[in-house]
């Protein structure tokens, strides 16, 4: 089943990327990219190398992280639950509901299908499209900034996952919160369980990465003005989906938003003071010499 879900994900995101390239990037930029791809790859290859290292380390940390978390033993679930219960208090005279409970009180099959699709397909497209779009720009800085921001998200987020034990609302409040994605579209459970643990909810990496993509879209609004509102719709939908589906608390989302903004700041700061990457640049030049040139 996991293989089927991954194949569906790949096909849908590929179609979305093709549509996005046609609508937002344009033929001229794509043609120019075909002639300059070797130079562009060389300019970003050190950053891609670092991101690759981060992703490998992230995979290892996710595998061993839950065991380390229980050794550290810092279970913050009760504090998140208590804080979440206060967020809607200004709008209620009596006992305020949890944000997740309030959102799920408006659940419909159509909304569940929408937010599930956004959580799985829309999220991946939202993260993948900026990489394609910024690679199509002659200026390498937006893509470098994106790569660093994505890496910062994973480094900080996975560190929090190791340090903190935090169960999501569908685990703690099983009587009042339903895992809507898993109960209505159970095939996606194979995908989520393969990449994450039920104790890794603080902060919401879905939220932080989505906000990162949105902030980056705003910084490149002049280059891709039509992408900004689409990124805003997708990012806001991802943020709501994490709570509506019962996966994350509102507190996870709030800290996820902060992490997304901080990650972009880290990307901008690294852009202002770029590292030398001497060895990685030598390796990238060697790789460039092996790439085929486009026949004229």
C-alpha atoms as a PDB file:
ATOM      1  CA  UNK A   1       0.000   0.000   0.000  1.00  0.00           C
ATOM      2  CA  UNK A   2       2.848   2.420   0.782  1.00  0.00           C
ATOM      3  CA  UNK A   3       4.210   1.936  -2.731  1.00  0.00           C
ATOM      4  CA  UNK A   4       0.813   2.749  -4.254  1.00  0.00           C
ATOM      5  CA  UNK A   5       0.445   5.910  -2.155  1.00  0.00           C
ATOM      6  CA  UNK A   6       3.966   7.065  -3.033  1.00  0.00           C
ATOM      7  CA  UNK A   7       3.306   6.457  -6.731  1.00  0.00           C
ATOM      8  CA  UNK A   8       0.098   8.480  -6.550  1.00  0.00           C
ATOM      9  CA  UNK A   9       1.920  11.258  -4.722  1.00  0.00           C
ATOM     10  CA  UNK A  10       4.676  11.341  -7.345  1.00  0.00           C
ATOM     11  CA  UNK A  11       2.224  11.429 -10.247  1.00  0.00           C
ATOM     12  CA  UNK A  12       0.000  14.134  -8.766  1.00  0.00           C
ATOM     13  CA  UNK A  13       2.896  16.378  -7.730  1.00  0.00           C
ATOM     14  CA  UNK A  14       4.570  15.938 -11.132  1.00  0.00           C
ATOM     15  CA  UNK A  15       1.370  17.051 -12.868  1.00  0.00           C
ATOM     16  CA  UNK A  16       1.056  20.013 -10.510  1.00  0.00           C
ATOM     17  CA  UNK A  17       4.678  21.005 -11.135  1.00  0.00           C
ATOM     18  CA  UNK A  18       4.143  20.831 -14.892  1.00  0.00           C
ATOM     19  CA  UNK A  19       1.038  23.014 -14.596  1.00  0.00           C
ATOM     20  CA  UNK A  20       2.869  25.410 -12.274  1.00  0.00           C
ATOM     21  CA  UNK A  21       5.800  25.685 -14.674  1.00  0.00           C
ATOM     22  CA  UNK A  22       3.452  26.576 -17.512  1.00  0.00           C
ATOM     23  CA  UNK A  23       1.389  29.055 -15.504  1.00  0.00           C
ATOM     24  CA  UNK A  24       4.018  30.770 -13.360  1.00  0.00           C
ATOM     25  CA  UNK A  25       7.488  30.223 -14.844  1.00  0.00           C
ATOM     26  CA  UNK A  26       6.866  30.542 -18.557  1.00  0.00           C
ATOM     27  CA  UNK A  27       8.480  29.161 -21.680  1.00  0.00           C
ATOM     28  CA  UNK A  28      11.226  31.809 -21.988  1.00  0.00           C
ATOM     29  CA  UNK A  29      12.623  31.155 -18.511  1.00  0.00           C
ATOM     30  CA  UNK A  30      12.447  27.402 -19.029  1.00  0.00           C
ATOM     31  CA  UNK A  31      14.305  27.631 -22.342  1.00  0.00           C
ATOM     32  CA  UNK A  32      16.983  29.830 -20.807  1.00  0.00           C
ATOM     33  CA  UNK A  33      17.338  27.343 -17.958  1.00  0.00           C
ATOM     34  CA  UNK A  34      18.006  24.528 -20.452  1.00  0.00           C
ATOM     35  CA  UNK A  35      21.028  26.405 -21.800  1.00  0.00           C
ATOM     36  CA  UNK A  36      22.372  27.551 -18.419  1.00  0.00           C
ATOM     37  CA  UNK A  37      21.582  24.598 -16.156  1.00  0.00           C
ATOM     38  CA  UNK A  38      25.241  23.550 -15.740  1.00  0.00           C
ATOM     39  CA  UNK A  39      26.285  26.968 -14.412  1.00  0.00           C
ATOM     40  CA  UNK A  40      23.242  27.191 -12.160  1.00  0.00           C
ATOM     41  CA  UNK A  41      23.838  23.737 -10.711  1.00  0.00           C
ATOM     42  CA  UNK A  42      27.420  24.676  -9.938  1.00  0.00           C
ATOM     43  CA  UNK A  43      26.334  27.831  -8.093  1.00  0.00           C
ATOM     44  CA  UNK A  44      23.955  25.931  -5.794  1.00  0.00           C
ATOM     45  CA  UNK A  45      25.619  22.508  -5.529  1.00  0.00           C
ATOM     46  CA  UNK A  46      27.405  23.260  -2.214  1.00  0.00           C
ATOM     47  CA  UNK A  47      24.069  24.228  -0.689  1.00  0.00           C
ATOM     48  CA  UNK A  48      22.392  21.126  -2.122  1.00  0.00           C
ATOM     49  CA  UNK A  49      25.195  19.047  -0.630  1.00  0.00           C
ATOM     50  CA  UNK A  50      24.567  20.533   2.804  1.00  0.00           C
ATOM     51  CA  UNK A  51      20.813  19.981   2.458  1.00  0.00           C
ATOM     52  CA  UNK A  52      21.476  16.357   1.525  1.00  0.00           C
ATOM     53  CA  UNK A  53      23.544  15.911   4.672  1.00  0.00           C
ATOM     54  CA  UNK A  54      20.770  17.507   6.725  1.00  0.00           C
ATOM     55  CA  UNK A  55      18.124  15.205   5.213  1.00  0.00           C
ATOM     56  CA  UNK A  56      20.205  12.088   5.877  1.00  0.00           C
ATOM     57  CA  UNK A  57      20.841  13.223   9.447  1.00  0.00           C
ATOM     58  CA  UNK A  58      17.129  14.000   9.761  1.00  0.00           C
ATOM     59  CA  UNK A  59      16.223  10.448   8.704  1.00  0.00           C
ATOM     60  CA  UNK A  60      18.627   8.966  11.252  1.00  0.00           C
ATOM     61  CA  UNK A  61      17.381  11.331  13.968  1.00  0.00           C
ATOM     62  CA  UNK A  62      13.745  10.449  13.261  1.00  0.00           C
ATOM     63  CA  UNK A  63      14.577   6.748  13.569  1.00  0.00           C
ATOM     64  CA  UNK A  64      16.393   7.021  16.893  1.00  0.00           C
ATOM     65  CA  UNK A  65      14.834  10.246  18.150  1.00  0.00           C
ATOM     66  CA  UNK A  66      11.820   8.736  19.959  1.00  0.00           C
ATOM     67  CA  UNK A  67      14.088   6.455  22.011  1.00  0.00           C
ATOM     68  CA  UNK A  68      16.315   9.382  22.944  1.00  0.00           C
ATOM     69  CA  UNK A  69      13.250  11.480  23.795  1.00  0.00           C
ATOM     70  CA  UNK A  70      12.107   8.936  26.372  1.00  0.00           C
ATOM     71  CA  UNK A  71      15.594   8.932  27.888  1.00  0.00           C
ATOM     72  CA  UNK A  72      15.457  12.711  28.247  1.00  0.00           C
ATOM     73  CA  UNK A  73      11.865  12.353  29.420  1.00  0.00           C
ATOM     74  CA  UNK A  74      10.639  15.915  28.811  1.00  0.00           C
ATOM     75  CA  UNK A  75       6.950  15.302  28.153  1.00  0.00           C
ATOM     76  CA  UNK A  76       5.358  18.659  27.339  1.00  0.00           C
ATOM     77  CA  UNK A  77       1.987  17.285  26.201  1.00  0.00           C
ATOM     78  CA  UNK A  78       0.102  18.430  29.365  1.00  0.00           C
ATOM     79  CA  UNK A  79       1.449  21.970  28.997  1.00  0.00           C
ATOM     80  CA  UNK A  80       0.479  22.146  25.327  1.00  0.00           C
ATOM     81  CA  UNK A  81      -2.979  20.816  26.166  1.00  0.00           C
ATOM     82  CA  UNK A  82      -3.441  23.423  28.883  1.00  0.00           C
ATOM     83  CA  UNK A  83      -2.191  26.291  26.731  1.00  0.00           C
ATOM     84  CA  UNK A  84      -4.357  25.216  23.816  1.00  0.00           C
ATOM     85  CA  UNK A  85      -7.419  25.336  26.045  1.00  0.00           C
ATOM     86  CA  UNK A  86      -6.782  29.028  26.748  1.00  0.00           C
ATOM     87  CA  UNK A  87      -6.505  30.234  23.158  1.00  0.00           C
ATOM     88  CA  UNK A  88     -10.265  30.529  22.550  1.00  0.00           C
ATOM     89  CA  UNK A  89     -11.097  31.640  26.109  1.00  0.00           C
ATOM     90  CA  UNK A  90     -11.504  35.357  25.173  1.00  0.00           C
ATOM     91  CA  UNK A  91     -14.379  34.370  22.857  1.00  0.00           C
ATOM     92  CA  UNK A  92     -16.318  32.212  25.350  1.00  0.00           C
ATOM     93  CA  UNK A  93     -17.944  33.049  28.672  1.00  0.00           C
ATOM     94  CA  UNK A  94     -17.836  29.485  29.910  1.00  0.00           C
ATOM     95  CA  UNK A  95     -15.351  26.726  29.245  1.00  0.00           C
ATOM     96  CA  UNK A  96     -13.637  27.291  25.907  1.00  0.00           C
ATOM     97  CA  UNK A  97     -13.111  24.288  23.639  1.00  0.00           C
ATOM     98  CA  UNK A  98      -9.768  23.204  22.307  1.00  0.00           C
ATOM     99  CA  UNK A  99      -9.028  24.792  18.935  1.00  0.00           C
ATOM    100  CA  UNK A 100      -8.909  21.370  17.285  1.00  0.00           C
ATOM    101  CA  UNK A 101     -12.291  20.404  18.776  1.00  0.00           C
ATOM    102  CA  UNK A 102     -13.770  23.681  17.574  1.00  0.00           C
ATOM    103  CA  UNK A 103     -12.464  23.148  14.043  1.00  0.00           C
ATOM    104  CA  UNK A 104     -13.696  19.567  13.875  1.00  0.00           C
ATOM    105  CA  UNK A 105     -17.173  20.691  14.959  1.00  0.00           C
ATOM    106  CA  UNK A 106     -17.468  22.122  11.426  1.00  0.00           C
ATOM    107  CA  UNK A 107     -16.244  18.941   9.713  1.00  0.00           C
ATOM    108  CA  UNK A 108     -17.887  17.713   6.522  1.00  0.00           C
ATOM    109  CA  UNK A 109     -16.815  14.968   4.097  1.00  0.00           C
ATOM    110  CA  UNK A 110     -15.981  17.623   1.518  1.00  0.00           C
ATOM    111  CA  UNK A 111     -13.794  19.607   3.919  1.00  0.00           C
ATOM    112  CA  UNK A 112     -12.065  16.434   5.074  1.00  0.00           C
ATOM    113  CA  UNK A 113     -11.269  15.470   1.490  1.00  0.00           C
ATOM    114  CA  UNK A 114      -9.967  18.983   0.760  1.00  0.00           C
ATOM    115  CA  UNK A 115      -7.733  19.241   3.808  1.00  0.00           C
ATOM    116  CA  UNK A 116      -6.463  15.685   3.370  1.00  0.00           C
ATOM    117  CA  UNK A 117      -5.503  16.444  -0.232  1.00  0.00           C
ATOM    118  CA  UNK A 118      -3.840  19.655   0.877  1.00  0.00           C
ATOM    119  CA  UNK A 119      -1.957  17.927   3.703  1.00  0.00           C
ATOM    120  CA  UNK A 120      -0.573  15.240   1.383  1.00  0.00           C
ATOM    121  CA  UNK A 121      -0.400  16.619  -2.165  1.00  0.00           C
ATOM    122  CA  UNK A 122      -0.662  20.370  -1.753  1.00  0.00           C
ATOM    123  CA  UNK A 123       2.054  20.428   0.883  1.00  0.00           C
ATOM    124  CA  UNK A 124       4.596  18.573  -1.249  1.00  0.00           C
ATOM    125  CA  UNK A 125       3.814  20.751  -4.268  1.00  0.00           C
ATOM    126  CA  UNK A 126       4.123  23.902  -2.145  1.00  0.00           C
ATOM    127  CA  UNK A 127       7.651  22.886  -1.123  1.00  0.00           C
ATOM    128  CA  UNK A 128       8.781  21.496  -4.463  1.00  0.00           C
ATOM    129  CA  UNK A 129       7.613  24.267  -6.763  1.00  0.00           C
ATOM    130  CA  UNK A 130       9.867  27.021  -5.323  1.00  0.00           C
ATOM    131  CA  UNK A 131      12.910  24.821  -5.988  1.00  0.00           C
ATOM    132  CA  UNK A 132      11.894  24.496  -9.652  1.00  0.00           C
ATOM    133  CA  UNK A 133      10.834  28.127  -9.994  1.00  0.00           C
ATOM    134  CA  UNK A 134      13.930  29.609  -8.373  1.00  0.00           C
ATOM    135  CA  UNK A 135      16.223  27.327 -10.371  1.00  0.00           C
ATOM    136  CA  UNK A 136      14.670  28.955 -13.447  1.00  0.00           C
ATOM    137  CA  UNK A 137      15.962  32.358 -12.305  1.00  0.00           C
ATOM    138  CA  UNK A 138      19.430  33.566 -13.419  1.00  0.00           C
ATOM    139  CA  UNK A 139      20.041  34.907  -9.895  1.00  0.00           C
ATOM    140  CA  UNK A 140      20.958  31.941  -7.643  1.00  0.00           C
ATOM    141  CA  UNK A 141      20.252  33.761  -4.376  1.00  0.00           C
ATOM    142  CA  UNK A 142      16.518  32.932  -4.048  1.00  0.00           C
ATOM    143  CA  UNK A 143      17.225  29.228  -4.469  1.00  0.00           C
ATOM    144  CA  UNK A 144      20.163  29.328  -2.073  1.00  0.00           C
ATOM    145  CA  UNK A 145      17.983  31.101   0.464  1.00  0.00           C
ATOM    146  CA  UNK A 146      15.302  28.457  -0.014  1.00  0.00           C
ATOM    147  CA  UNK A 147      17.696  25.550   0.457  1.00  0.00           C
ATOM    148  CA  UNK A 148      19.145  27.036   3.657  1.00  0.00           C
ATOM    149  CA  UNK A 149      15.677  27.845   5.025  1.00  0.00           C
ATOM    150  CA  UNK A 150      14.450  24.313   4.362  1.00  0.00           C
ATOM    151  CA  UNK A 151      17.532  22.876   6.035  1.00  0.00           C
ATOM    152  CA  UNK A 152      17.127  25.157   9.060  1.00  0.00           C
ATOM    153  CA  UNK A 153      13.533  23.983   9.459  1.00  0.00           C
ATOM    154  CA  UNK A 154      14.600  20.363   9.638  1.00  0.00           C
ATOM    155  CA  UNK A 155      17.569  20.926  11.928  1.00  0.00           C
ATOM    156  CA  UNK A 156      15.603  22.977  14.472  1.00  0.00           C
ATOM    157  CA  UNK A 157      12.404  20.949  14.142  1.00  0.00           C
ATOM    158  CA  UNK A 158      14.028  17.538  14.529  1.00  0.00           C
ATOM    159  CA  UNK A 159      16.062  18.815  17.474  1.00  0.00           C
ATOM    160  CA  UNK A 160      12.786  19.765  19.156  1.00  0.00           C
ATOM    161  CA  UNK A 161      11.391  16.326  18.350  1.00  0.00           C
ATOM    162  CA  UNK A 162      14.334  14.723  20.111  1.00  0.00           C
ATOM    163  CA  UNK A 163      14.236  17.001  23.155  1.00  0.00           C
ATOM    164  CA  UNK A 164      10.449  17.074  23.646  1.00  0.00           C
ATOM    165  CA  UNK A 165       7.822  14.342  23.910  1.00  0.00           C
ATOM    166  CA  UNK A 166       4.510  15.642  22.612  1.00  0.00           C
ATOM    167  CA  UNK A 167       1.415  13.672  21.618  1.00  0.00           C
ATOM    168  CA  UNK A 168      -1.064  15.147  19.181  1.00  0.00           C
ATOM    169  CA  UNK A 169      -4.722  15.848  19.992  1.00  0.00           C
ATOM    170  CA  UNK A 170      -6.005  12.713  18.229  1.00  0.00           C
ATOM    171  CA  UNK A 171      -3.868  10.661  20.623  1.00  0.00           C
ATOM    172  CA  UNK A 172      -4.612  12.544  23.828  1.00  0.00           C
ATOM    173  CA  UNK A 173      -8.248  13.514  23.194  1.00  0.00           C
ATOM    174  CA  UNK A 174      -9.384  10.408  21.364  1.00  0.00           C
ATOM    175  CA  UNK A 175     -12.963  10.785  22.673  1.00  0.00           C
ATOM    176  CA  UNK A 176     -13.458  14.310  21.302  1.00  0.00           C
ATOM    177  CA  UNK A 177     -10.887  14.558  18.477  1.00  0.00           C
ATOM    178  CA  UNK A 178     -10.905  12.271  15.479  1.00  0.00           C
ATOM    179  CA  UNK A 179      -7.976  11.536  13.194  1.00  0.00           C
ATOM    180  CA  UNK A 180     -10.085  12.517  10.210  1.00  0.00           C
ATOM    181  CA  UNK A 181      -7.492  11.766   7.568  1.00  0.00           C
ATOM    182  CA  UNK A 182      -6.878   8.266   8.847  1.00  0.00           C
ATOM    183  CA  UNK A 183     -10.530   7.412   9.528  1.00  0.00           C
ATOM    184  CA  UNK A 184     -11.785   8.653   6.138  1.00  0.00           C
ATOM    185  CA  UNK A 185      -8.694   8.099   3.970  1.00  0.00           C
ATOM    186  CA  UNK A 186      -6.814   5.356   5.761  1.00  0.00           C
ATOM    187  CA  UNK A 187      -4.336   4.716   2.927  1.00  0.00           C
ATOM    188  CA  UNK A 188      -2.352   7.814   3.939  1.00  0.00           C
ATOM    189  CA  UNK A 189      -1.604   6.334   7.349  1.00  0.00           C
ATOM    190  CA  UNK A 190       1.051   4.158   5.687  1.00  0.00           C
ATOM    191  CA  UNK A 191       2.806   7.300   4.467  1.00  0.00           C
ATOM    192  CA  UNK A 192       2.687   9.310   7.691  1.00  0.00           C
ATOM    193  CA  UNK A 193       3.767   6.435   9.937  1.00  0.00           C
ATOM    194  CA  UNK A 194       6.723   5.767   7.636  1.00  0.00           C
ATOM    195  CA  UNK A 195       8.161   9.260   8.115  1.00  0.00           C
ATOM    196  CA  UNK A 196       7.128  10.333  11.601  1.00  0.00           C
ATOM    197  CA  UNK A 197       6.353   9.238  15.149  1.00  0.00           C
ATOM    198  CA  UNK A 198       3.197   9.988  17.153  1.00  0.00           C
ATOM    199  CA  UNK A 199       5.307  11.813  19.759  1.00  0.00           C
ATOM    200  CA  UNK A 200       6.725  14.264  17.197  1.00  0.00           C
ATOM    201  CA  UNK A 201       4.189  17.060  16.958  1.00  0.00           C
ATOM    202  CA  UNK A 202       5.963  20.071  18.508  1.00  0.00           C
ATOM    203  CA  UNK A 203       6.472  22.197  16.523  1.00  0.00           C
ATOM    204  CA  UNK A 204       4.457  21.469  13.399  1.00  0.00           C
ATOM    205  CA  UNK A 205       6.971  21.022  10.575  1.00  0.00           C
ATOM    206  CA  UNK A 206       4.128  21.006   8.060  1.00  0.00           C
ATOM    207  CA  UNK A 207       3.285  24.499   9.289  1.00  0.00           C
ATOM    208  CA  UNK A 208       6.862  25.777   9.451  1.00  0.00           C
ATOM    209  CA  UNK A 209       7.752  24.529   5.976  1.00  0.00           C
ATOM    210  CA  UNK A 210       4.522  25.898   4.496  1.00  0.00           C
ATOM    211  CA  UNK A 211       5.095  29.306   6.099  1.00  0.00           C
ATOM    212  CA  UNK A 212       8.687  29.242   4.866  1.00  0.00           C
ATOM    213  CA  UNK A 213       7.481  28.680   1.299  1.00  0.00           C
ATOM    214  CA  UNK A 214       4.969  31.524   1.681  1.00  0.00           C
ATOM    215  CA  UNK A 215       7.510  34.019   3.033  1.00  0.00           C
ATOM    216  CA  UNK A 216       9.938  33.046   0.266  1.00  0.00           C
ATOM    217  CA  UNK A 217       7.160  33.585  -2.288  1.00  0.00           C
ATOM    218  CA  UNK A 218       6.644  37.070  -0.894  1.00  0.00           C
ATOM    219  CA  UNK A 219      10.370  37.853  -1.248  1.00  0.00           C
ATOM    220  CA  UNK A 220      10.225  36.844  -4.930  1.00  0.00           C
ATOM    221  CA  UNK A 221       6.882  38.464  -5.702  1.00  0.00           C
ATOM    222  CA  UNK A 222       8.418  40.659  -8.415  1.00  0.00           C
ATOM    223  CA  UNK A 223       9.701  37.590 -10.263  1.00  0.00           C
ATOM    224  CA  UNK A 224       6.584  35.437  -9.776  1.00  0.00           C
ATOM    225  CA  UNK A 225       3.652  37.730  -8.873  1.00  0.00           C
ATOM    226  CA  UNK A 226       0.995  35.107  -9.702  1.00  0.00           C
ATOM    227  CA  UNK A 227       2.627  32.492  -7.468  1.00  0.00           C
ATOM    228  CA  UNK A 228       2.301  34.564  -4.275  1.00  0.00           C
ATOM    229  CA  UNK A 229      -1.510  34.290  -3.869  1.00  0.00           C
ATOM    230  CA  UNK A 230      -1.405  30.586  -4.738  1.00  0.00           C
ATOM    231  CA  UNK A 231       1.322  30.028  -2.145  1.00  0.00           C
ATOM    232  CA  UNK A 232      -0.743  31.990   0.386  1.00  0.00           C
ATOM    233  CA  UNK A 233      -3.816  29.809  -0.251  1.00  0.00           C
ATOM    234  CA  UNK A 234      -1.837  26.572  -0.046  1.00  0.00           C
ATOM    235  CA  UNK A 235       0.145  27.590   3.040  1.00  0.00           C
ATOM    236  CA  UNK A 236      -2.924  28.775   4.964  1.00  0.00           C
ATOM    237  CA  UNK A 237      -4.754  25.584   3.997  1.00  0.00           C
ATOM    238  CA  UNK A 238      -1.844  23.448   5.225  1.00  0.00           C
ATOM    239  CA  UNK A 239      -1.820  25.318   8.539  1.00  0.00           C
ATOM    240  CA  UNK A 240      -5.546  24.740   9.076  1.00  0.00           C
ATOM    241  CA  UNK A 241      -5.320  21.139   7.848  1.00  0.00           C
ATOM    242  CA  UNK A 242      -2.808  20.176  10.525  1.00  0.00           C
ATOM    243  CA  UNK A 243      -5.368  21.084  13.205  1.00  0.00           C
ATOM    244  CA  UNK A 244      -8.578  20.164  11.383  1.00  0.00           C
ATOM    245  CA  UNK A 245      -7.283  16.628  10.776  1.00  0.00           C
ATOM    246  CA  UNK A 246      -6.450  16.259  14.481  1.00  0.00           C
ATOM    247  CA  UNK A 247      -2.698  15.907  13.932  1.00  0.00           C
ATOM    248  CA  UNK A 248      -1.391  19.061  15.624  1.00  0.00           C
ATOM    249  CA  UNK A 249      -2.400  21.409  18.417  1.00  0.00           C
ATOM    250  CA  UNK A 250      -2.783  25.129  17.749  1.00  0.00           C
ATOM    251  CA  UNK A 251       0.299  25.611  19.942  1.00  0.00           C
ATOM    252  CA  UNK A 252       2.309  23.413  17.567  1.00  0.00           C
ATOM    253  CA  UNK A 253       1.109  25.582  14.713  1.00  0.00           C
ATOM    254  CA  UNK A 254       1.999  28.863  16.447  1.00  0.00           C
ATOM    255  CA  UNK A 255       5.544  27.708  17.094  1.00  0.00           C
ATOM    256  CA  UNK A 256       5.658  26.276  13.572  1.00  0.00           C
ATOM    257  CA  UNK A 257       4.861  29.714  12.155  1.00  0.00           C
ATOM    258  CA  UNK A 258       7.652  31.237  14.231  1.00  0.00           C
ATOM    259  CA  UNK A 259      10.060  28.525  13.079  1.00  0.00           C
ATOM    260  CA  UNK A 260       9.180  29.201   9.446  1.00  0.00           C
ATOM    261  CA  UNK A 261       9.891  32.924   9.781  1.00  0.00           C
ATOM    262  CA  UNK A 262      13.135  32.296  11.679  1.00  0.00           C
ATOM    263  CA  UNK A 263      14.279  29.791   9.057  1.00  0.00           C
ATOM    264  CA  UNK A 264      13.859  32.347   6.275  1.00  0.00           C
ATOM    265  CA  UNK A 265      15.831  34.848   8.362  1.00  0.00           C
ATOM    266  CA  UNK A 266      18.607  32.270   8.685  1.00  0.00           C
ATOM    267  CA  UNK A 267      18.559  31.809   4.913  1.00  0.00           C
ATOM    268  CA  UNK A 268      18.789  35.556   4.358  1.00  0.00           C
ATOM    269  CA  UNK A 269      21.587  35.903   6.905  1.00  0.00           C
ATOM    270  CA  UNK A 270      23.592  33.116   5.267  1.00  0.00           C
ATOM    271  CA  UNK A 271      23.033  34.826   1.928  1.00  0.00           C
ATOM    272  CA  UNK A 272      24.509  38.058   3.301  1.00  0.00           C
ATOM    273  CA  UNK A 273      27.521  36.233   4.764  1.00  0.00           C
ATOM    274  CA  UNK A 274      27.935  33.172   2.528  1.00  0.00           C
ATOM    275  CA  UNK A 275      30.399  30.452   3.593  1.00  0.00           C
ATOM    276  CA  UNK A 276      33.291  29.603   1.314  1.00  0.00           C
ATOM    277  CA  UNK A 277      32.459  25.930   0.650  1.00  0.00           C
ATOM    278  CA  UNK A 278      35.931  25.470  -0.851  1.00  0.00           C
ATOM    279  CA  UNK A 279      35.928  21.669  -1.015  1.00  0.00           C
ATOM    280  CA  UNK A 280      32.304  21.455  -2.088  1.00  0.00           C
ATOM    281  CA  UNK A 281      32.910  23.977  -4.853  1.00  0.00           C
ATOM    282  CA  UNK A 282      35.825  21.933  -6.178  1.00  0.00           C
ATOM    283  CA  UNK A 283      33.605  18.880  -6.193  1.00  0.00           C
ATOM    284  CA  UNK A 284      30.832  20.779  -7.995  1.00  0.00           C
ATOM    285  CA  UNK A 285      33.245  21.952 -10.702  1.00  0.00           C
ATOM    286  CA  UNK A 286      34.320  18.371 -11.277  1.00  0.00           C
ATOM    287  CA  UNK A 287      30.673  17.371 -11.503  1.00  0.00           C
ATOM    288  CA  UNK A 288      29.989  20.180 -13.977  1.00  0.00           C
ATOM    289  CA  UNK A 289      32.692  18.872 -16.310  1.00  0.00           C
ATOM    290  CA  UNK A 290      30.880  15.547 -16.443  1.00  0.00           C
ATOM    291  CA  UNK A 291      27.554  17.085 -17.442  1.00  0.00           C
ATOM    292  CA  UNK A 292      26.577  16.980 -21.110  1.00  0.00           C
ATOM    293  CA  UNK A 293      26.339  20.279 -22.888  1.00  0.00           C
ATOM    294  CA  UNK A 294      23.216  21.117 -24.878  1.00  0.00           C
ATOM    295  CA  UNK A 295      23.720  20.774 -28.584  1.00  0.00           C
ATOM    296  CA  UNK A 296      23.179  23.980 -30.496  1.00  0.00           C
END
